[in-house]
Amino acid sequence: MWLQLDGAPAHFALSVRQYLNEVFPRWFGRSGTVAWPPRSPDLTPCDYHLWGWLKQKVYFVEVNTREELRERIRIAADELRSDPALLRRATRQIACLQNRGEHFEQLIN
């Protein structure tokens, strides 16, 4: 599993980067352990798919307790794991990273 950070100033603080390097060494972002390839929309599916979908699934009815929120997130995550479209996006991300952000369409079957 990888952690993806945007370039927001709060996420770029030295203390945050040091913590991530010690606790979660597989992350990419601005000054991450893996360089973020420039102009890589294939590496940001969370922005255009995941967060909106997750919010819709979790908050379709008002959440009243922390445990209820956790359970809805678990259910949504299980549903997400079985989404073939999301798996195809992951394939694109891997190909993009393996090809260092260069053209990679020819690498996808």
PDB file of N, CA and C in Angstrom:
ATOM      1  N   MET A   1       0.841  -1.171   0.000  1.00  0.00           N
ATOM      2  CA  MET A   1       0.000   0.000   0.000  1.00  0.00           C
ATOM      3  C   MET A   1       0.892   1.241   0.000  1.00  0.00           C
ATOM      4  N   TRP A   2       0.442   2.252  -0.728  1.00  0.00           N
ATOM      5  CA  TRP A   2       1.163   3.518  -0.820  1.00  0.00           C
ATOM      6  C   TRP A   2       0.302   4.635  -0.279  1.00  0.00           C
ATOM      7  N   LEU A   3       0.936   5.640   0.263  1.00  0.00           N
ATOM      8  CA  LEU A   3       0.240   6.841   0.713  1.00  0.00           C
ATOM      9  C   LEU A   3       0.549   7.951  -0.273  1.00  0.00           C
ATOM     10  N   GLN A   4      -0.479   8.644  -0.720  1.00  0.00           N
ATOM     11  CA  GLN A   4      -0.324   9.736  -1.668  1.00  0.00           C
ATOM     12  C   GLN A   4      -0.674  11.046  -0.984  1.00  0.00           C
ATOM     13  N   LEU A   5       0.247  11.994  -1.016  1.00  0.00           N
ATOM     14  CA  LEU A   5      -0.005  13.316  -0.443  1.00  0.00           C
ATOM     15  C   LEU A   5       0.006  14.365  -1.533  1.00  0.00           C
ATOM     16  N   ASP A   6      -0.831  15.376  -1.364  1.00  0.00           N
ATOM     17  CA  ASP A   6      -0.779  16.505  -2.279  1.00  0.00           C
ATOM     18  C   ASP A   6       0.303  17.465  -1.793  1.00  0.00           C
ATOM     19  N   GLY A   7       0.421  18.594  -2.431  1.00  0.00           N
ATOM     20  CA  GLY A   7       1.468  19.537  -2.063  1.00  0.00           C
ATOM     21  C   GLY A   7       1.017  20.606  -1.092  1.00  0.00           C
ATOM     22  N   ALA A   8      -0.085  20.375  -0.378  1.00  0.00           N
ATOM     23  CA  ALA A   8      -0.583  21.373   0.570  1.00  0.00           C
ATOM     24  C   ALA A   8       0.489  21.680   1.617  1.00  0.00           C
ATOM     25  N   PRO A   9       0.646  22.944   1.989  1.00  0.00           N
ATOM     26  CA  PRO A   9       1.683  23.316   2.959  1.00  0.00           C
ATOM     27  C   PRO A   9       1.642  22.499   4.253  1.00  0.00           C
ATOM     28  N   ALA A  10       0.463  22.200   4.749  1.00  0.00           N
ATOM     29  CA  ALA A  10       0.371  21.422   5.996  1.00  0.00           C
ATOM     30  C   ALA A  10       0.935  20.013   5.824  1.00  0.00           C
ATOM     31  N   HIS A  11       0.846  19.462   4.613  1.00  0.00           N
ATOM     32  CA  HIS A  11       1.350  18.116   4.353  1.00  0.00           C
ATOM     33  C   HIS A  11       2.833  18.123   4.008  1.00  0.00           C
ATOM     34  N   PHE A  12       3.387  19.311   3.782  1.00  0.00           N
ATOM     35  CA  PHE A  12       4.774  19.431   3.372  1.00  0.00           C
ATOM     36  C   PHE A  12       5.700  19.817   4.527  1.00  0.00           C
ATOM     37  N   ALA A  13       5.155  20.023   5.701  1.00  0.00           N
ATOM     38  CA  ALA A  13       5.972  20.415   6.858  1.00  0.00           C
ATOM     39  C   ALA A  13       7.048  19.359   7.124  1.00  0.00           C
ATOM     40  N   LEU A  14       8.202  19.802   7.537  1.00  0.00           N
ATOM     41  CA  LEU A  14       9.318  18.897   7.803  1.00  0.00           C
ATOM     42  C   LEU A  14       8.928  17.823   8.811  1.00  0.00           C
ATOM     43  N   SER A  15       8.205  18.197   9.845  1.00  0.00           N
ATOM     44  CA  SER A  15       7.809  17.211  10.866  1.00  0.00           C
ATOM     45  C   SER A  15       6.914  16.126  10.271  1.00  0.00           C
ATOM     46  N   VAL A  16       6.039  16.489   9.339  1.00  0.00           N
ATOM     47  CA  VAL A  16       5.161  15.507   8.690  1.00  0.00           C
ATOM     48  C   VAL A  16       5.997  14.558   7.840  1.00  0.00           C
ATOM     49  N   ARG A  17       6.903  15.104   7.046  1.00  0.00           N
ATOM     50  CA  ARG A  17       7.743  14.269   6.183  1.00  0.00           C
ATOM     51  C   ARG A  17       8.640  13.341   6.998  1.00  0.00           C
ATOM     52  N   GLN A  18       9.194  13.829   8.104  1.00  0.00           N
ATOM     53  CA  GLN A  18      10.033  12.979   8.959  1.00  0.00           C
ATOM     54  C   GLN A  18       9.208  11.847   9.562  1.00  0.00           C
ATOM     55  N   TYR A  19       8.015  12.173  10.021  1.00  0.00           N
ATOM     56  CA  TYR A  19       7.132  11.154  10.591  1.00  0.00           C
ATOM     57  C   TYR A  19       6.803  10.085   9.547  1.00  0.00           C
ATOM     58  N   LEU A  20       6.427  10.522   8.352  1.00  0.00           N
ATOM     59  CA  LEU A  20       6.091   9.566   7.301  1.00  0.00           C
ATOM     60  C   LEU A  20       7.284   8.691   6.940  1.00  0.00           C
ATOM     61  N   ASN A  21       8.455   9.275   6.857  1.00  0.00           N
ATOM     62  CA  ASN A  21       9.647   8.496   6.526  1.00  0.00           C
ATOM     63  C   ASN A  21       9.927   7.419   7.568  1.00  0.00           C
ATOM     64  N   GLU A  22       9.634   7.698   8.823  1.00  0.00           N
ATOM     65  CA  GLU A  22       9.876   6.729   9.895  1.00  0.00           C
ATOM     66  C   GLU A  22       8.773   5.688   9.999  1.00  0.00           C
ATOM     67  N   VAL A  23       7.519   6.121   9.903  1.00  0.00           N
ATOM     68  CA  VAL A  23       6.384   5.246  10.184  1.00  0.00           C
ATOM     69  C   VAL A  23       5.779   4.633   8.925  1.00  0.00           C
ATOM     70  N   PHE A  24       5.784   5.354   7.848  1.00  0.00           N
ATOM     71  CA  PHE A  24       5.111   4.911   6.627  1.00  0.00           C
ATOM     72  C   PHE A  24       6.009   5.234   5.440  1.00  0.00           C
ATOM     73  N   PRO A  25       7.081   4.480   5.233  1.00  0.00           N
ATOM     74  CA  PRO A  25       8.093   4.857   4.257  1.00  0.00           C
ATOM     75  C   PRO A  25       7.661   4.785   2.794  1.00  0.00           C
ATOM     76  N   ARG A  26       6.527   4.177   2.500  1.00  0.00           N
ATOM     77  CA  ARG A  26       6.089   4.077   1.107  1.00  0.00           C
ATOM     78  C   ARG A  26       5.066   5.168   0.810  1.00  0.00           C
ATOM     79  N   TRP A  27       5.537   6.360   0.552  1.00  0.00           N
ATOM     80  CA  TRP A  27       4.631   7.462   0.218  1.00  0.00           C
ATOM     81  C   TRP A  27       5.237   8.285  -0.900  1.00  0.00           C
ATOM     82  N   PHE A  28       4.358   8.895  -1.679  1.00  0.00           N
ATOM     83  CA  PHE A  28       4.855   9.794  -2.699  1.00  0.00           C
ATOM     84  C   PHE A  28       4.078  11.092  -2.658  1.00  0.00           C
ATOM     85  N   GLY A  29       4.786  12.124  -2.996  1.00  0.00           N
ATOM     86  CA  GLY A  29       4.256  13.473  -2.947  1.00  0.00           C
ATOM     87  C   GLY A  29       5.419  14.438  -3.028  1.00  0.00           C
ATOM     88  N   ARG A  30       5.158  15.664  -2.736  1.00  0.00           N
ATOM     89  CA  ARG A  30       6.200  16.687  -2.782  1.00  0.00           C
ATOM     90  C   ARG A  30       7.294  16.328  -1.774  1.00  0.00           C
ATOM     91  N   SER A  31       8.507  16.090  -2.249  1.00  0.00           N
ATOM     92  CA  SER A  31       9.656  15.658  -1.439  1.00  0.00           C
ATOM     93  C   SER A  31       9.416  14.327  -0.731  1.00  0.00           C
ATOM     94  N   GLY A  32       8.625  13.461  -1.335  1.00  0.00           N
ATOM     95  CA  GLY A  32       8.367  12.143  -0.762  1.00  0.00           C
ATOM     96  C   GLY A  32       9.505  11.182  -1.029  1.00  0.00           C
ATOM     97  N   THR A  33       9.385   9.970  -0.517  1.00  0.00           N
ATOM     98  CA  THR A  33      10.411   8.958  -0.742  1.00  0.00           C
ATOM     99  C   THR A  33      10.427   8.531  -2.201  1.00  0.00           C
ATOM    100  N   VAL A  34       9.316   8.716  -2.893  1.00  0.00           N
ATOM    101  CA  VAL A  34       9.221   8.481  -4.329  1.00  0.00           C
ATOM    102  C   VAL A  34       8.772   9.789  -4.955  1.00  0.00           C
ATOM    103  N   ALA A  35       9.493  10.245  -5.968  1.00  0.00           N
ATOM    104  CA  ALA A  35       9.141  11.517  -6.607  1.00  0.00           C
ATOM    105  C   ALA A  35       7.786  11.410  -7.294  1.00  0.00           C
ATOM    106  N   TRP A  36       7.015  12.468  -7.210  1.00  0.00           N
ATOM    107  CA  TRP A  36       5.710  12.528  -7.852  1.00  0.00           C
ATOM    108  C   TRP A  36       5.932  12.925  -9.309  1.00  0.00           C
ATOM    109  N   PRO A  37       5.609  12.052 -10.275  1.00  0.00           N
ATOM    110  CA  PRO A  37       5.802  12.426 -11.675  1.00  0.00           C
ATOM    111  C   PRO A  37       4.968  13.659 -12.032  1.00  0.00           C
ATOM    112  N   PRO A  38       5.544  14.606 -12.756  1.00  0.00           N
ATOM    113  CA  PRO A  38       4.813  15.829 -13.090  1.00  0.00           C
ATOM    114  C   PRO A  38       3.645  15.554 -14.028  1.00  0.00           C
ATOM    115  N   ARG A  39       2.596  16.358 -13.889  1.00  0.00           N
ATOM    116  CA  ARG A  39       1.420  16.285 -14.760  1.00  0.00           C
ATOM    117  C   ARG A  39       0.936  14.846 -14.901  1.00  0.00           C
ATOM    118  N   SER A  40       0.590  14.220 -13.808  1.00  0.00           N
ATOM    119  CA  SER A  40       0.214  12.804 -13.789  1.00  0.00           C
ATOM    120  C   SER A  40      -1.210  12.602 -13.295  1.00  0.00           C
ATOM    121  N   PRO A  41      -2.213  12.930 -14.098  1.00  0.00           N
ATOM    122  CA  PRO A  41      -3.588  12.745 -13.632  1.00  0.00           C
ATOM    123  C   PRO A  41      -3.923  11.286 -13.339  1.00  0.00           C
ATOM    124  N   ASP A  42      -3.191  10.351 -13.936  1.00  0.00           N
ATOM    125  CA  ASP A  42      -3.448   8.943 -13.661  1.00  0.00           C
ATOM    126  C   ASP A  42      -3.076   8.555 -12.245  1.00  0.00           C
ATOM    127  N   LEU A  43      -2.331   9.405 -11.555  1.00  0.00           N
ATOM    128  CA  LEU A  43      -1.934   9.094 -10.185  1.00  0.00           C
ATOM    129  C   LEU A  43      -2.815   9.781  -9.152  1.00  0.00           C
ATOM    130  N   THR A  44      -3.870  10.441  -9.587  1.00  0.00           N
ATOM    131  CA  THR A  44      -4.743  11.134  -8.640  1.00  0.00           C
ATOM    132  C   THR A  44      -6.205  10.720  -8.782  1.00  0.00           C
ATOM    133  N   PRO A  45      -6.502   9.420  -8.862  1.00  0.00           N
ATOM    134  CA  PRO A  45      -7.900   9.006  -9.009  1.00  0.00           C
ATOM    135  C   PRO A  45      -8.747   9.354  -7.794  1.00  0.00           C
ATOM    136  N   CYS A  46      -8.111   9.522  -6.646  1.00  0.00           N
ATOM    137  CA  CYS A  46      -8.881   9.878  -5.452  1.00  0.00           C
ATOM    138  C   CYS A  46      -9.582  11.217  -5.638  1.00  0.00           C
ATOM    139  N   ASP A  47      -8.953  12.129  -6.360  1.00  0.00           N
ATOM    140  CA  ASP A  47      -9.535  13.452  -6.552  1.00  0.00           C
ATOM    141  C   ASP A  47     -10.767  13.426  -7.439  1.00  0.00           C
ATOM    142  N   TYR A  48     -10.771  12.610  -8.461  1.00  0.00           N
ATOM    143  CA  TYR A  48     -11.891  12.660  -9.391  1.00  0.00           C
ATOM    144  C   TYR A  48     -12.845  11.483  -9.285  1.00  0.00           C
ATOM    145  N   HIS A  49     -12.589  10.547  -8.417  1.00  0.00           N
ATOM    146  CA  HIS A  49     -13.497   9.406  -8.302  1.00  0.00           C
ATOM    147  C   HIS A  49     -13.768   9.015  -6.851  1.00  0.00           C
ATOM    148  N   LEU A  50     -12.737   8.678  -6.156  1.00  0.00           N
ATOM    149  CA  LEU A  50     -12.893   8.015  -4.863  1.00  0.00           C
ATOM    150  C   LEU A  50     -13.598   8.852  -3.807  1.00  0.00           C
ATOM    151  N   TRP A  51     -13.158  10.090  -3.576  1.00  0.00           N
ATOM    152  CA  TRP A  51     -13.704  10.856  -2.453  1.00  0.00           C
ATOM    153  C   TRP A  51     -15.186  11.146  -2.627  1.00  0.00           C
ATOM    154  N   GLY A  52     -15.606  11.527  -3.821  1.00  0.00           N
ATOM    155  CA  GLY A  52     -17.028  11.776  -4.052  1.00  0.00           C
ATOM    156  C   GLY A  52     -17.854  10.518  -3.888  1.00  0.00           C
ATOM    157  N   TRP A  53     -17.350   9.415  -4.424  1.00  0.00           N
ATOM    158  CA  TRP A  53     -18.049   8.138  -4.323  1.00  0.00           C
ATOM    159  C   TRP A  53     -18.161   7.700  -2.861  1.00  0.00           C
ATOM    160  N   LEU A  54     -17.047   7.790  -2.133  1.00  0.00           N
ATOM    161  CA  LEU A  54     -17.031   7.380  -0.732  1.00  0.00           C
ATOM    162  C   LEU A  54     -17.974   8.234   0.113  1.00  0.00           C
ATOM    163  N   LYS A  55     -17.950   9.530  -0.103  1.00  0.00           N
ATOM    164  CA  LYS A  55     -18.827  10.431   0.646  1.00  0.00           C
ATOM    165  C   LYS A  55     -20.294  10.094   0.391  1.00  0.00           C
ATOM    166  N   GLN A  56     -20.620   9.819  -0.858  1.00  0.00           N
ATOM    167  CA  GLN A  56     -21.997   9.457  -1.202  1.00  0.00           C
ATOM    168  C   GLN A  56     -22.408   8.159  -0.500  1.00  0.00           C
ATOM    169  N   LYS A  57     -21.532   7.170  -0.492  1.00  0.00           N
ATOM    170  CA  LYS A  57     -21.843   5.880   0.131  1.00  0.00           C
ATOM    171  C   LYS A  57     -21.957   5.985   1.653  1.00  0.00           C
ATOM    172  N   VAL A  58     -21.073   6.737   2.272  1.00  0.00           N
ATOM    173  CA  VAL A  58     -21.017   6.800   3.733  1.00  0.00           C
ATOM    174  C   VAL A  58     -22.100   7.705   4.306  1.00  0.00           C
ATOM    175  N   TYR A  59     -22.353   8.816   3.662  1.00  0.00           N
ATOM    176  CA  TYR A  59     -23.270   9.816   4.224  1.00  0.00           C
ATOM    177  C   TYR A  59     -24.639   9.843   3.554  1.00  0.00           C
ATOM    178  N   PHE A  60     -25.048   8.732   2.924  1.00  0.00           N
ATOM    179  CA  PHE A  60     -26.358   8.723   2.268  1.00  0.00           C
ATOM    180  C   PHE A  60     -27.486   8.980   3.259  1.00  0.00           C
ATOM    181  N   VAL A  61     -27.266   8.640   4.502  1.00  0.00           N
ATOM    182  CA  VAL A  61     -28.165   8.954   5.620  1.00  0.00           C
ATOM    183  C   VAL A  61     -27.274   9.511   6.726  1.00  0.00           C
ATOM    184  N   GLU A  62     -27.796  10.424   7.496  1.00  0.00           N
ATOM    185  CA  GLU A  62     -27.007  11.058   8.557  1.00  0.00           C
ATOM    186  C   GLU A  62     -26.359  10.021   9.475  1.00  0.00           C
ATOM    187  N   VAL A  63     -25.109  10.246   9.797  1.00  0.00           N
ATOM    188  CA  VAL A  63     -24.352   9.379  10.704  1.00  0.00           C
ATOM    189  C   VAL A  63     -24.509   9.928  12.116  1.00  0.00           C
ATOM    190  N   ASN A  64     -24.834   9.051  13.067  1.00  0.00           N
ATOM    191  CA  ASN A  64     -25.093   9.506  14.431  1.00  0.00           C
ATOM    192  C   ASN A  64     -23.998   9.170  15.437  1.00  0.00           C
ATOM    193  N   THR A  65     -23.207   8.147  15.146  1.00  0.00           N
ATOM    194  CA  THR A  65     -22.166   7.759  16.100  1.00  0.00           C
ATOM    195  C   THR A  65     -20.857   7.485  15.365  1.00  0.00           C
ATOM    196  N   ARG A  66     -19.786   7.520  16.103  1.00  0.00           N
ATOM    197  CA  ARG A  66     -18.475   7.221  15.532  1.00  0.00           C
ATOM    198  C   ARG A  66     -18.425   5.779  15.037  1.00  0.00           C
ATOM    199  N   GLU A  67     -19.004   4.861  15.798  1.00  0.00           N
ATOM    200  CA  GLU A  67     -18.999   3.454  15.397  1.00  0.00           C
ATOM    201  C   GLU A  67     -19.806   3.250  14.115  1.00  0.00           C
ATOM    202  N   GLU A  68     -20.915   3.938  13.991  1.00  0.00           N
ATOM    203  CA  GLU A  68     -21.716   3.856  12.768  1.00  0.00           C
ATOM    204  C   GLU A  68     -20.911   4.375  11.568  1.00  0.00           C
ATOM    205  N   LEU A  69     -20.178   5.449  11.764  1.00  0.00           N
ATOM    206  CA  LEU A  69     -19.328   5.986  10.705  1.00  0.00           C
ATOM    207  C   LEU A  69     -18.267   4.964  10.301  1.00  0.00           C
ATOM    208  N   ARG A  70     -17.616   4.367  11.272  1.00  0.00           N
ATOM    209  CA  ARG A  70     -16.593   3.358  10.977  1.00  0.00           C
ATOM    210  C   ARG A  70     -17.181   2.181  10.202  1.00  0.00           C
ATOM    211  N   GLU A  71     -18.344   1.732  10.613  1.00  0.00           N
ATOM    212  CA  GLU A  71     -18.976   0.593   9.949  1.00  0.00           C
ATOM    213  C   GLU A  71     -19.335   0.925   8.503  1.00  0.00           C
ATOM    214  N   ARG A  72     -19.846   2.110   8.276  1.00  0.00           N
ATOM    215  CA  ARG A  72     -20.180   2.508   6.900  1.00  0.00           C
ATOM    216  C   ARG A  72     -18.928   2.618   6.037  1.00  0.00           C
ATOM    217  N   ILE A  73     -17.855   3.095   6.616  1.00  0.00           N
ATOM    218  CA  ILE A  73     -16.598   3.168   5.861  1.00  0.00           C
ATOM    219  C   ILE A  73     -16.110   1.765   5.532  1.00  0.00           C
ATOM    220  N   ARG A  74     -16.221   0.834   6.482  1.00  0.00           N
ATOM    221  CA  ARG A  74     -15.824  -0.563   6.226  1.00  0.00           C
ATOM    222  C   ARG A  74     -16.649  -1.163   5.090  1.00  0.00           C
ATOM    223  N   ILE A  75     -17.954  -0.934   5.122  1.00  0.00           N
ATOM    224  CA  ILE A  75     -18.843  -1.467   4.085  1.00  0.00           C
ATOM    225  C   ILE A  75     -18.479  -0.879   2.722  1.00  0.00           C
ATOM    226  N   ALA A  76     -18.265   0.428   2.684  1.00  0.00           N
ATOM    227  CA  ALA A  76     -17.903   1.087   1.424  1.00  0.00           C
ATOM    228  C   ALA A  76     -16.561   0.570   0.913  1.00  0.00           C
ATOM    229  N   ALA A  77     -15.603   0.359   1.807  1.00  0.00           N
ATOM    230  CA  ALA A  77     -14.293  -0.151   1.398  1.00  0.00           C
ATOM    231  C   ALA A  77     -14.416  -1.552   0.814  1.00  0.00           C
ATOM    232  N   ASP A  78     -15.254  -2.390   1.416  1.00  0.00           N
ATOM    233  CA  ASP A  78     -15.478  -3.732   0.873  1.00  0.00           C
ATOM    234  C   ASP A  78     -16.076  -3.657  -0.526  1.00  0.00           C
ATOM    235  N   GLU A  79     -17.022  -2.754  -0.708  1.00  0.00           N
ATOM    236  CA  GLU A  79     -17.642  -2.577  -2.024  1.00  0.00           C
ATOM    237  C   GLU A  79     -16.616  -2.058  -3.033  1.00  0.00           C
ATOM    238  N   LEU A  80     -15.784  -1.178  -2.586  1.00  0.00           N
ATOM    239  CA  LEU A  80     -14.765  -0.591  -3.451  1.00  0.00           C
ATOM    240  C   LEU A  80     -13.776  -1.645  -3.937  1.00  0.00           C
ATOM    241  N   ARG A  81     -13.429  -2.569  -3.062  1.00  0.00           N
ATOM    242  CA  ARG A  81     -12.470  -3.622  -3.429  1.00  0.00           C
ATOM    243  C   ARG A  81     -12.990  -4.493  -4.568  1.00  0.00           C
ATOM    244  N   SER A  82     -14.297  -4.592  -4.687  1.00  0.00           N
ATOM    245  CA  SER A  82     -14.870  -5.440  -5.731  1.00  0.00           C
ATOM    246  C   SER A  82     -15.196  -4.662  -7.002  1.00  0.00           C
ATOM    247  N   ASP A  83     -14.767  -3.401  -7.085  1.00  0.00           N
ATOM    248  CA  ASP A  83     -15.056  -2.545  -8.238  1.00  0.00           C
ATOM    249  C   ASP A  83     -13.984  -2.741  -9.310  1.00  0.00           C
ATOM    250  N   PRO A  84     -14.312  -3.445 -10.417  1.00  0.00           N
ATOM    251  CA  PRO A  84     -13.306  -3.695 -11.449  1.00  0.00           C
ATOM    252  C   PRO A  84     -12.763  -2.414 -12.083  1.00  0.00           C
ATOM    253  N   ALA A  85     -13.573  -1.375 -12.174  1.00  0.00           N
ATOM    254  CA  ALA A  85     -13.111  -0.113 -12.765  1.00  0.00           C
ATOM    255  C   ALA A  85     -11.983   0.482 -11.927  1.00  0.00           C
ATOM    256  N   LEU A  86     -12.098   0.383 -10.619  1.00  0.00           N
ATOM    257  CA  LEU A  86     -11.046   0.904  -9.748  1.00  0.00           C
ATOM    258  C   LEU A  86      -9.761   0.102  -9.925  1.00  0.00           C
ATOM    259  N   LEU A  87      -9.894  -1.202 -10.096  1.00  0.00           N
ATOM    260  CA  LEU A  87      -8.712  -2.033 -10.310  1.00  0.00           C
ATOM    261  C   LEU A  87      -8.012  -1.663 -11.614  1.00  0.00           C
ATOM    262  N   ARG A  88      -8.778  -1.322 -12.650  1.00  0.00           N
ATOM    263  CA  ARG A  88      -8.169  -0.879 -13.908  1.00  0.00           C
ATOM    264  C   ARG A  88      -7.390   0.417 -13.697  1.00  0.00           C
ATOM    265  N   ARG A  89      -7.930   1.317 -12.876  1.00  0.00           N
ATOM    266  CA  ARG A  89      -7.220   2.563 -12.591  1.00  0.00           C
ATOM    267  C   ARG A  89      -5.896   2.273 -11.873  1.00  0.00           C
ATOM    268  N   ALA A  90      -5.914   1.302 -10.972  1.00  0.00           N
ATOM    269  CA  ALA A  90      -4.686   0.938 -10.260  1.00  0.00           C
ATOM    270  C   ALA A  90      -3.641   0.422 -11.241  1.00  0.00           C
ATOM    271  N   THR A  91      -4.061  -0.339 -12.242  1.00  0.00           N
ATOM    272  CA  THR A  91      -3.141  -0.826 -13.263  1.00  0.00           C
ATOM    273  C   THR A  91      -2.484   0.342 -13.985  1.00  0.00           C
ATOM    274  N   ARG A  92      -3.259   1.371 -14.291  1.00  0.00           N
ATOM    275  CA  ARG A  92      -2.718   2.563 -14.952  1.00  0.00           C
ATOM    276  C   ARG A  92      -1.707   3.260 -14.042  1.00  0.00           C
ATOM    277  N   GLN A  93      -2.007   3.333 -12.766  1.00  0.00           N
ATOM    278  CA  GLN A  93      -1.097   3.992 -11.824  1.00  0.00           C
ATOM    279  C   GLN A  93       0.238   3.260 -11.757  1.00  0.00           C
ATOM    280  N   ILE A  94       0.179   1.953 -11.668  1.00  0.00           N
ATOM    281  CA  ILE A  94       1.402   1.152 -11.588  1.00  0.00           C
ATOM    282  C   ILE A  94       2.237   1.338 -12.851  1.00  0.00           C
ATOM    283  N   ALA A  95       1.581   1.288 -14.020  1.00  0.00           N
ATOM    284  CA  ALA A  95       2.306   1.471 -15.281  1.00  0.00           C
ATOM    285  C   ALA A  95       2.939   2.856 -15.352  1.00  0.00           C
ATOM    286  N   CYS A  96       2.223   3.867 -14.890  1.00  0.00           N
ATOM    287  CA  CYS A  96       2.749   5.235 -14.900  1.00  0.00           C
ATOM    288  C   CYS A  96       3.987   5.343 -14.010  1.00  0.00           C
ATOM    289  N   LEU A  97       3.920   4.763 -12.832  1.00  0.00           N
ATOM    290  CA  LEU A  97       5.063   4.804 -11.918  1.00  0.00           C
ATOM    291  C   LEU A  97       6.249   4.020 -12.473  1.00  0.00           C
ATOM    292  N   GLN A  98       5.968   2.835 -13.031  1.00  0.00           N
ATOM    293  CA  GLN A  98       7.054   2.008 -13.557  1.00  0.00           C
ATOM    294  C   GLN A  98       7.761   2.686 -14.724  1.00  0.00           C
ATOM    295  N   ASN A  99       7.027   3.499 -15.464  1.00  0.00           N
ATOM    296  CA  ASN A  99       7.614   4.173 -16.619  1.00  0.00           C
ATOM    297  C   ASN A  99       8.041   5.603 -16.287  1.00  0.00           C
ATOM    298  N   ARG A 100       8.154   5.893 -14.996  1.00  0.00           N
ATOM    299  CA  ARG A 100       8.650   7.183 -14.497  1.00  0.00           C
ATOM    300  C   ARG A 100       7.877   8.378 -15.041  1.00  0.00           C
ATOM    301  N   GLY A 101       6.552   8.206 -15.186  1.00  0.00           N
ATOM    302  CA  GLY A 101       5.706   9.308 -15.621  1.00  0.00           C
ATOM    303  C   GLY A 101       5.721   9.562 -17.112  1.00  0.00           C
ATOM    304  N   GLU A 102       6.507   8.778 -17.853  1.00  0.00           N
ATOM    305  CA  GLU A 102       6.548   8.929 -19.313  1.00  0.00           C
ATOM    306  C   GLU A 102       5.308   8.263 -19.907  1.00  0.00           C
ATOM    307  N   HIS A 103       5.206   8.269 -21.231  1.00  0.00           N
ATOM    308  CA  HIS A 103       4.082   7.607 -21.900  1.00  0.00           C
ATOM    309  C   HIS A 103       4.065   6.136 -21.501  1.00  0.00           C
ATOM    310  N   PHE A 104       2.875   5.621 -21.211  1.00  0.00           N
ATOM    311  CA  PHE A 104       2.802   4.238 -20.742  1.00  0.00           C
ATOM    312  C   PHE A 104       1.622   3.470 -21.314  1.00  0.00           C
ATOM    313  N   GLU A 105       0.807   4.098 -22.163  1.00  0.00           N
ATOM    314  CA  GLU A 105      -0.373   3.422 -22.707  1.00  0.00           C
ATOM    315  C   GLU A 105      -0.006   2.085 -23.354  1.00  0.00           C
ATOM    316  N   GLN A 106       1.131   2.040 -24.027  1.00  0.00           N
ATOM    317  CA  GLN A 106       1.550   0.832 -24.724  1.00  0.00           C
ATOM    318  C   GLN A 106       1.874  -0.306 -23.757  1.00  0.00           C
ATOM    319  N   LEU A 107       2.033  -0.005 -22.473  1.00  0.00           N
ATOM    320  CA  LEU A 107       2.384  -1.026 -21.478  1.00  0.00           C
ATOM    321  C   LEU A 107       1.168  -1.717 -20.879  1.00  0.00           C
ATOM    322  N   ILE A 108      -0.016  -1.166 -21.142  1.00  0.00           N
ATOM    323  CA  ILE A 108      -1.238  -1.697 -20.532  1.00  0.00           C
ATOM    324  C   ILE A 108      -1.904  -2.669 -21.489  1.00  0.00           C
ATOM    325  N   ASN A 109      -2.212  -3.859 -20.979  1.00  0.00           N
ATOM    326  CA  ASN A 109      -2.878  -4.872 -21.816  1.00  0.00           C
ATOM    327  C   ASN A 109      -4.345  -4.600 -21.924  1.00  0.00           C
TER     328      ASN A 109
END
